[in-house]
Amino acid sequence: MLSIGDFSKLSRVPIKTLRYYDEIGLFKPLEVDRFTGYRHYSASQLIRLNRILVMKDMGLSLEQIALLLDKELTPDQIRGMLRLKQVELHQQLIEGQARLARVEAWLQAFEQEVTMPTYDVVLKKVTPLKVAQVHGVAPSMELIGPTLDRLFDQVMGYITQQGATCTGPAITVYYDAEYSEGNVSVGACMPFAGTLKDGEQVEIIELPAVETMASVIHHGSFSTMNQAYNAILKWIEANNYHISSSNRELNLEYERGGDQANFVTEIQFPVEKH
């Protein structure tokens, strides 16, 4: 019989861990002195303990290990549990590789600029959003601003006239499949609270959910927003993604006629892995 201290040295498992395994019923001592409460173990118990350690190293939880060791599971059940863990670990590997690529891209940008990068791209999941939209076409990139001002006036006016409430932020959707200098197809979209039906120029649509949305925040004038676009497009290419549908701009902080230095715009691109 071995004391818990000696068994800890033999197994290279901390005493604290052995006590915890005893408390949860996963690995109990061979004998507990009823007077002193001292735990005693046998060297033969190393077989079960080593199996626990191997399963834990594979990423199985203690609850899963207990099921595998103590329940009368069928071979199919055991295989199913291990295959689920295999899928989970494979997904973690993919995510880890993607995270590594983002770190390398960020590091490369940092080394080139010798300062912290101006823009940080994040990936997030976007839920569906019901909006009122007015669709329009800007004759040129230079006239995007005035065109959107007119479209947003229409959509916000319609929402107010119908007794609903604008909840913001305003969202611009760029529908062209590729960059265009002229006849730029845009949608001025405004989330709302209340009940609305389609109008003569206003349609009620649902912006679709996006499982993976690349996003960057631009702080400042619209005239310098090309810097944010360059940053996010470089990031998408460097991280082996491709753009899967229409990009969006969200006016998080905006006041028409206000100081553009205070504007905050979020640029979003739906992306998928190549």
Protein backbone atom coordinates (compact mmCIF):
# COMPACT_ATOMS: atom_id res chain seq x y z
CA MET A 1 0.00 0.00 0.00
CA LEU A 2 1.24 3.45 -0.89
CA SER A 3 0.49 6.76 0.82
CA ILE A 4 -1.00 9.48 -1.33
CA GLY A 5 2.37 11.25 -1.29
CA ASP A 6 4.27 8.19 -2.51
CA PHE A 7 1.60 7.40 -5.10
CA SER A 8 1.75 11.01 -6.32
CA LYS A 9 5.52 10.69 -6.85
CA LEU A 10 5.13 7.35 -8.57
CA SER A 11 2.37 8.50 -10.92
CA ARG A 12 3.63 12.09 -11.31
CA VAL A 13 0.12 13.30 -10.59
CA PRO A 14 -0.22 16.10 -7.99
CA ILE A 15 -1.77 15.21 -4.63
CA LYS A 16 -4.40 17.93 -5.19
CA THR A 17 -5.45 16.23 -8.43
CA LEU A 18 -5.67 12.80 -6.81
CA ARG A 19 -7.89 14.21 -4.08
CA TYR A 20 -10.12 15.89 -6.65
CA TYR A 21 -10.46 12.69 -8.69
CA ASP A 22 -11.47 10.94 -5.47
CA GLU A 23 -14.09 13.59 -4.67
CA ILE A 24 -15.78 13.27 -8.07
CA GLY A 25 -15.58 9.48 -8.00
CA LEU A 26 -13.32 9.18 -11.03
CA PHE A 27 -10.31 7.63 -9.32
CA LYS A 28 -10.69 6.49 -5.73
CA PRO A 29 -7.96 5.20 -3.39
CA LEU A 30 -7.83 1.53 -2.66
CA GLU A 31 -8.40 2.21 1.00
CA VAL A 32 -9.16 5.15 3.29
CA ASP A 33 -8.20 4.91 6.97
CA ARG A 34 -11.45 5.35 8.86
CA PHE A 35 -9.67 7.00 11.79
CA THR A 36 -7.18 9.31 10.09
CA GLY A 37 -8.82 9.72 6.67
CA TYR A 38 -5.49 8.99 5.01
CA ARG A 39 -5.75 7.65 1.47
CA HIS A 40 -3.79 4.59 0.42
CA TYR A 41 -3.20 3.35 -3.11
CA SER A 42 -1.86 0.28 -4.88
CA ALA A 43 0.62 0.28 -7.76
CA SER A 44 -1.89 -1.77 -9.74
CA GLN A 45 -4.16 1.29 -9.83
CA LEU A 46 -1.70 2.98 -12.16
CA ILE A 47 -3.39 1.15 -15.07
CA ARG A 48 -6.65 3.07 -14.57
CA LEU A 49 -4.89 6.33 -13.71
CA ASN A 50 -2.73 6.18 -16.83
CA ARG A 51 -5.80 5.56 -18.96
CA ILE A 52 -7.43 8.63 -17.43
CA LEU A 53 -4.32 10.68 -18.21
CA VAL A 54 -4.21 9.44 -21.82
CA MET A 55 -7.90 10.26 -22.37
CA LYS A 56 -7.46 13.66 -20.74
CA ASP A 57 -4.51 14.34 -23.03
CA MET A 58 -6.80 13.59 -26.01
CA GLY A 59 -9.04 16.41 -24.85
CA LEU A 60 -11.86 14.37 -23.32
CA SER A 61 -13.59 15.93 -20.34
CA LEU A 62 -13.54 14.19 -16.97
CA GLU A 63 -17.26 13.49 -17.38
CA GLN A 64 -16.62 11.80 -20.73
CA ILE A 65 -13.74 9.81 -19.26
CA ALA A 66 -15.97 8.60 -16.43
CA LEU A 67 -18.56 7.45 -18.97
CA LEU A 68 -15.96 5.56 -20.98
CA LEU A 69 -14.45 3.85 -17.93
CA ASP A 70 -17.45 3.13 -15.74
CA LYS A 71 -20.53 2.83 -17.91
CA GLU A 72 -21.43 -0.21 -19.96
CA LEU A 73 -21.12 1.57 -23.27
CA THR A 74 -21.40 -0.33 -26.52
CA PRO A 75 -18.50 -0.25 -28.98
CA ASP A 76 -20.62 1.94 -31.27
CA GLN A 77 -21.21 4.43 -28.44
CA ILE A 78 -17.50 4.56 -27.67
CA ARG A 79 -16.61 5.05 -31.32
CA GLY A 80 -19.25 7.76 -31.62
CA MET A 81 -17.88 9.66 -28.63
CA LEU A 82 -14.32 9.46 -29.95
CA ARG A 83 -15.38 10.52 -33.45
CA LEU A 84 -17.15 13.56 -32.04
CA LYS A 85 -13.96 14.50 -30.22
CA GLN A 86 -12.03 13.93 -33.44
CA VAL A 87 -14.29 16.36 -35.31
CA GLU A 88 -14.03 18.90 -32.47
CA LEU A 89 -10.23 18.73 -32.44
CA HIS A 90 -10.10 19.01 -36.22
CA GLN A 91 -12.23 22.16 -36.07
CA GLN A 92 -9.98 23.59 -33.35
CA LEU A 93 -6.98 22.88 -35.59
CA ILE A 94 -8.59 24.74 -38.50
CA GLU A 95 -9.47 27.68 -36.25
CA GLY A 96 -5.97 27.67 -34.79
CA GLN A 97 -4.40 27.75 -38.26
CA ALA A 98 -6.67 30.64 -39.24
CA ARG A 99 -5.76 32.47 -36.02
CA LEU A 100 -2.07 31.88 -36.76
CA ALA A 101 -2.50 33.35 -40.24
CA ARG A 102 -4.16 36.45 -38.74
CA VAL A 103 -1.31 36.87 -36.26
CA GLU A 104 1.24 36.58 -39.06
CA ALA A 105 -0.63 39.13 -41.20
CA TRP A 106 -0.92 41.51 -38.25
CA LEU A 107 2.76 41.06 -37.43
CA GLN A 108 3.71 41.74 -41.04
CA ALA A 109 1.66 44.95 -41.02
CA PHE A 110 3.20 45.97 -37.71
CA GLU A 111 6.74 45.40 -39.01
CA GLN A 112 6.05 47.40 -42.16
CA GLU A 113 4.54 50.36 -40.29
CA VAL A 114 6.87 50.16 -37.27
CA THR A 115 3.83 51.14 -35.22
CA MET A 116 0.56 49.53 -34.25
CA PRO A 117 -1.54 48.92 -37.41
CA THR A 118 -4.14 51.63 -38.02
CA TYR A 119 -6.89 49.11 -38.73
CA ASP A 120 -7.74 45.81 -37.04
CA VAL A 121 -9.96 43.38 -38.94
CA VAL A 122 -12.24 41.12 -36.90
CA LEU A 123 -14.50 38.24 -37.92
CA LYS A 124 -18.01 38.02 -36.51
CA LYS A 125 -21.37 36.42 -37.11
CA VAL A 126 -24.18 38.76 -38.22
CA THR A 127 -27.84 37.92 -37.61
CA PRO A 128 -30.68 38.72 -40.06
CA LEU A 129 -31.95 42.29 -39.89
CA LYS A 130 -35.24 43.69 -41.20
CA VAL A 131 -34.80 47.11 -42.80
CA ALA A 132 -36.58 49.61 -44.99
CA GLN A 133 -34.58 50.19 -48.16
CA VAL A 134 -34.54 52.63 -51.04
CA HIS A 135 -32.44 51.41 -53.94
CA GLY A 136 -30.60 53.81 -56.20
CA VAL A 137 -27.72 54.28 -58.60
CA ALA A 138 -24.94 56.83 -58.11
CA PRO A 139 -23.69 58.19 -61.45
CA SER A 140 -20.09 58.15 -60.20
CA MET A 141 -18.03 57.45 -57.08
CA GLU A 142 -17.74 61.21 -56.52
CA LEU A 143 -21.54 61.43 -56.27
CA ILE A 144 -21.98 58.54 -53.82
CA GLY A 145 -22.39 60.93 -50.89
CA PRO A 146 -25.14 63.15 -52.38
CA THR A 147 -26.92 60.10 -53.79
CA LEU A 148 -26.99 58.36 -50.41
CA ASP A 149 -28.13 61.54 -48.65
CA ARG A 150 -31.13 61.69 -50.99
CA LEU A 151 -31.92 57.97 -50.60
CA PHE A 152 -31.68 58.07 -46.81
CA ASP A 153 -33.93 61.14 -46.70
CA GLN A 154 -36.53 59.11 -48.61
CA VAL A 155 -36.34 56.01 -46.46
CA MET A 156 -36.26 57.87 -43.13
CA GLY A 157 -39.10 60.11 -44.21
CA TYR A 158 -41.20 57.11 -45.16
CA ILE A 159 -40.56 55.38 -41.83
CA THR A 160 -41.62 58.49 -39.90
CA GLN A 161 -44.69 59.11 -42.08
CA GLN A 162 -45.91 55.55 -41.49
CA GLY A 163 -45.68 55.92 -37.72
CA ALA A 164 -42.64 53.67 -37.27
CA THR A 165 -39.33 54.60 -35.66
CA CYS A 166 -35.81 54.56 -37.09
CA THR A 167 -33.57 52.50 -34.84
CA GLY A 168 -30.27 52.83 -36.75
CA PRO A 169 -27.51 52.73 -37.50
CA ALA A 170 -28.02 53.56 -41.17
CA ILE A 171 -26.63 50.88 -43.47
CA THR A 172 -25.44 51.24 -47.05
CA VAL A 173 -25.35 48.06 -49.14
CA TYR A 174 -23.17 48.01 -52.26
CA TYR A 175 -24.79 45.63 -54.73
CA ASP A 176 -22.27 45.68 -57.59
CA ALA A 177 -20.36 42.42 -57.88
CA GLU A 178 -17.14 44.32 -58.58
CA TYR A 179 -15.74 47.83 -58.25
CA SER A 180 -17.27 50.33 -60.64
CA GLU A 181 -16.38 53.99 -61.24
CA GLY A 182 -19.87 54.78 -62.55
CA ASN A 183 -23.48 53.72 -62.09
CA VAL A 184 -22.81 52.37 -58.61
CA SER A 185 -25.77 50.30 -57.35
CA VAL A 186 -26.51 51.06 -53.70
CA GLY A 187 -29.23 50.44 -51.14
CA ALA A 188 -29.93 52.94 -48.34
CA CYS A 189 -31.20 50.74 -45.49
CA MET A 190 -32.61 51.75 -42.13
CA PRO A 191 -33.59 49.38 -39.33
CA PHE A 192 -36.90 50.29 -37.75
CA ALA A 193 -39.30 49.51 -34.96
CA GLY A 194 -42.98 49.18 -35.77
CA THR A 195 -45.01 47.83 -38.67
CA LEU A 196 -44.23 48.82 -42.24
CA LYS A 197 -45.33 47.72 -45.68
CA ASP A 198 -43.65 48.35 -49.00
CA GLY A 199 -44.10 51.87 -50.36
CA GLU A 200 -43.81 53.28 -53.85
CA GLN A 201 -40.03 53.61 -53.59
CA VAL A 202 -39.39 51.92 -50.26
CA GLU A 203 -39.21 48.15 -49.86
CA ILE A 204 -39.13 46.19 -46.64
CA ILE A 205 -36.40 43.56 -46.87
CA GLU A 206 -34.34 41.36 -44.59
CA LEU A 207 -30.59 41.73 -44.80
CA PRO A 208 -29.46 38.11 -44.62
CA ALA A 209 -27.49 36.55 -41.82
CA VAL A 210 -23.77 36.20 -42.47
CA GLU A 211 -21.87 33.38 -40.83
CA THR A 212 -18.47 35.03 -41.30
CA MET A 213 -18.33 38.80 -41.67
CA ALA A 214 -14.98 40.58 -41.91
CA SER A 215 -15.28 43.96 -40.25
CA VAL A 216 -13.11 47.03 -39.78
CA ILE A 217 -13.81 50.37 -38.07
CA HIS A 218 -12.91 53.66 -39.74
CA HIS A 219 -12.74 56.77 -37.56
CA GLY A 220 -12.81 60.03 -39.49
CA SER A 221 -13.73 61.55 -42.81
CA PHE A 222 -15.37 59.63 -45.64
CA SER A 223 -12.64 61.02 -47.90
CA THR A 224 -10.02 58.81 -46.21
CA MET A 225 -12.17 55.69 -45.99
CA ASN A 226 -10.26 54.14 -48.90
CA GLN A 227 -7.49 53.44 -46.38
CA ALA A 228 -9.85 51.23 -44.38
CA TYR A 229 -10.99 49.49 -47.57
CA ASN A 230 -7.40 48.84 -48.57
CA ALA A 231 -6.67 47.38 -45.13
CA ILE A 232 -9.64 45.00 -45.05
CA LEU A 233 -9.20 43.86 -48.66
CA LYS A 234 -5.50 43.12 -48.06
CA TRP A 235 -6.46 41.19 -44.91
CA ILE A 236 -9.06 39.13 -46.79
CA GLU A 237 -6.51 38.17 -49.44
CA ALA A 238 -3.70 37.50 -46.96
CA ASN A 239 -5.90 35.21 -44.86
CA ASN A 240 -7.10 33.15 -47.83
CA TYR A 241 -10.72 34.35 -47.83
CA HIS A 242 -12.88 35.51 -50.71
CA ILE A 243 -15.80 37.95 -50.71
CA SER A 244 -19.07 36.03 -50.92
CA SER A 245 -21.72 38.75 -51.30
CA SER A 246 -22.48 42.47 -51.08
CA ASN A 247 -20.47 44.59 -48.66
CA ARG A 248 -22.05 46.99 -46.19
CA GLU A 249 -21.21 50.26 -44.47
CA LEU A 250 -22.74 51.10 -41.09
CA ASN A 251 -22.80 54.73 -39.95
CA LEU A 252 -22.12 54.17 -36.25
CA GLU A 253 -21.46 57.87 -35.57
CA TYR A 254 -22.71 60.31 -38.19
CA GLU A 255 -24.32 63.74 -38.32
CA ARG A 256 -24.99 65.38 -41.65
CA GLY A 257 -23.02 68.60 -41.81
CA GLY A 258 -21.14 67.66 -38.66
CA ASP A 259 -17.40 67.42 -38.09
CA GLN A 260 -16.27 64.45 -40.18
CA ALA A 261 -13.32 63.91 -37.84
CA ASN A 262 -15.87 62.46 -35.40
CA PHE A 263 -17.53 60.08 -37.86
CA VAL A 264 -17.29 56.35 -37.10
CA THR A 265 -18.03 53.91 -39.93
CA GLU A 266 -17.96 50.12 -39.89
CA ILE A 267 -17.08 48.42 -43.16
CA GLN A 268 -18.29 44.84 -43.52
CA PHE A 269 -17.52 42.16 -46.10
CA PRO A 270 -19.17 38.70 -46.05
CA VAL A 271 -16.33 36.22 -46.60
CA GLU A 272 -15.71 32.51 -47.06
CA LYS A 273 -12.56 30.43 -47.04
CA HIS A 274 -11.09 29.50 -50.42
